[in-house]
Amino acid sequence: MRIRLRQPLLALLGAALLALAFAGYLRPAFVIDVANRVWLCF
């Protein structure tokens, strides 16, 4: 039972993380800020 419950919970968690990531792209300033931070790592 525990294994059957784990897979849907992981899928739900992954979907929630993707939804948060896509929601961040609705704000262009956020995207530019993230891009700048990534660029400064190199």
C-alpha atoms as a PDB file:
ATOM      1  CA  MET A   1       0.000   0.000   0.000  1.00  0.00           C
ATOM      2  CA  ARG A   2       2.842   2.345   0.831  1.00  0.00           C
ATOM      3  CA  ILE A   3       4.429   2.004  -2.626  1.00  0.00           C
ATOM      4  CA  ARG A   4       1.086   2.613  -4.346  1.00  0.00           C
ATOM      5  CA  LEU A   5       0.691   5.844  -2.399  1.00  0.00           C
ATOM      6  CA  ARG A   6       4.241   7.069  -3.010  1.00  0.00           C
ATOM      7  CA  GLN A   7       4.097   7.342  -6.798  1.00  0.00           C
ATOM      8  CA  PRO A   8       0.980   9.568  -6.999  1.00  0.00           C
ATOM      9  CA  LEU A   9       2.336  11.773  -4.219  1.00  0.00           C
ATOM     10  CA  LEU A  10       5.637  12.215  -6.058  1.00  0.00           C
ATOM     11  CA  ALA A  11       3.759  12.988  -9.273  1.00  0.00           C
ATOM     12  CA  LEU A  12       1.635  15.564  -7.438  1.00  0.00           C
ATOM     13  CA  LEU A  13       4.723  17.140  -5.895  1.00  0.00           C
ATOM     14  CA  GLY A  14       6.418  17.309  -9.282  1.00  0.00           C
ATOM     15  CA  ALA A  15       3.339  18.889 -10.856  1.00  0.00           C
ATOM     16  CA  ALA A  16       3.180  21.476  -8.065  1.00  0.00           C
ATOM     17  CA  LEU A  17       6.848  22.367  -8.545  1.00  0.00           C
ATOM     18  CA  LEU A  18       6.344  22.729 -12.294  1.00  0.00           C
ATOM     19  CA  ALA A  19       3.279  24.908 -11.726  1.00  0.00           C
ATOM     20  CA  LEU A  20       5.302  27.179  -9.430  1.00  0.00           C
ATOM     21  CA  ALA A  21       8.079  27.413 -12.001  1.00  0.00           C
ATOM     22  CA  PHE A  22       5.670  28.294 -14.801  1.00  0.00           C
ATOM     23  CA  ALA A  23       3.882  30.814 -12.560  1.00  0.00           C
ATOM     24  CA  GLY A  24       7.204  32.563 -12.049  1.00  0.00           C
ATOM     25  CA  TYR A  25       7.464  33.161 -15.785  1.00  0.00           C
ATOM     26  CA  LEU A  26       4.308  35.280 -15.685  1.00  0.00           C
ATOM     27  CA  ARG A  27       6.470  38.015 -14.159  1.00  0.00           C
ATOM     28  CA  PRO A  28       9.152  39.105 -16.643  1.00  0.00           C
ATOM     29  CA  ALA A  29      11.227  40.850 -13.946  1.00  0.00           C
ATOM     30  CA  PHE A  30      11.526  37.543 -12.093  1.00  0.00           C
ATOM     31  CA  VAL A  31      12.769  35.762 -15.225  1.00  0.00           C
ATOM     32  CA  ILE A  32      15.400  38.446 -15.849  1.00  0.00           C
ATOM     33  CA  ASP A  33      16.522  38.319 -12.219  1.00  0.00           C
ATOM     34  CA  VAL A  34      16.913  34.534 -12.308  1.00  0.00           C
ATOM     35  CA  ALA A  35      18.758  34.695 -15.641  1.00  0.00           C
ATOM     36  CA  ASN A  36      21.151  37.297 -14.233  1.00  0.00           C
ATOM     37  CA  ARG A  37      21.811  35.219 -11.130  1.00  0.00           C
ATOM     38  CA  VAL A  38      22.536  32.122 -13.219  1.00  0.00           C
ATOM     39  CA  TRP A  39      24.783  34.111 -15.554  1.00  0.00           C
ATOM     40  CA  LEU A  40      26.789  35.481 -12.601  1.00  0.00           C
ATOM     41  CA  CYS A  41      27.588  31.904 -11.516  1.00  0.00           C
ATOM     42  CA  PHE A  42      29.833  31.536 -14.584  1.00  0.00           C
END
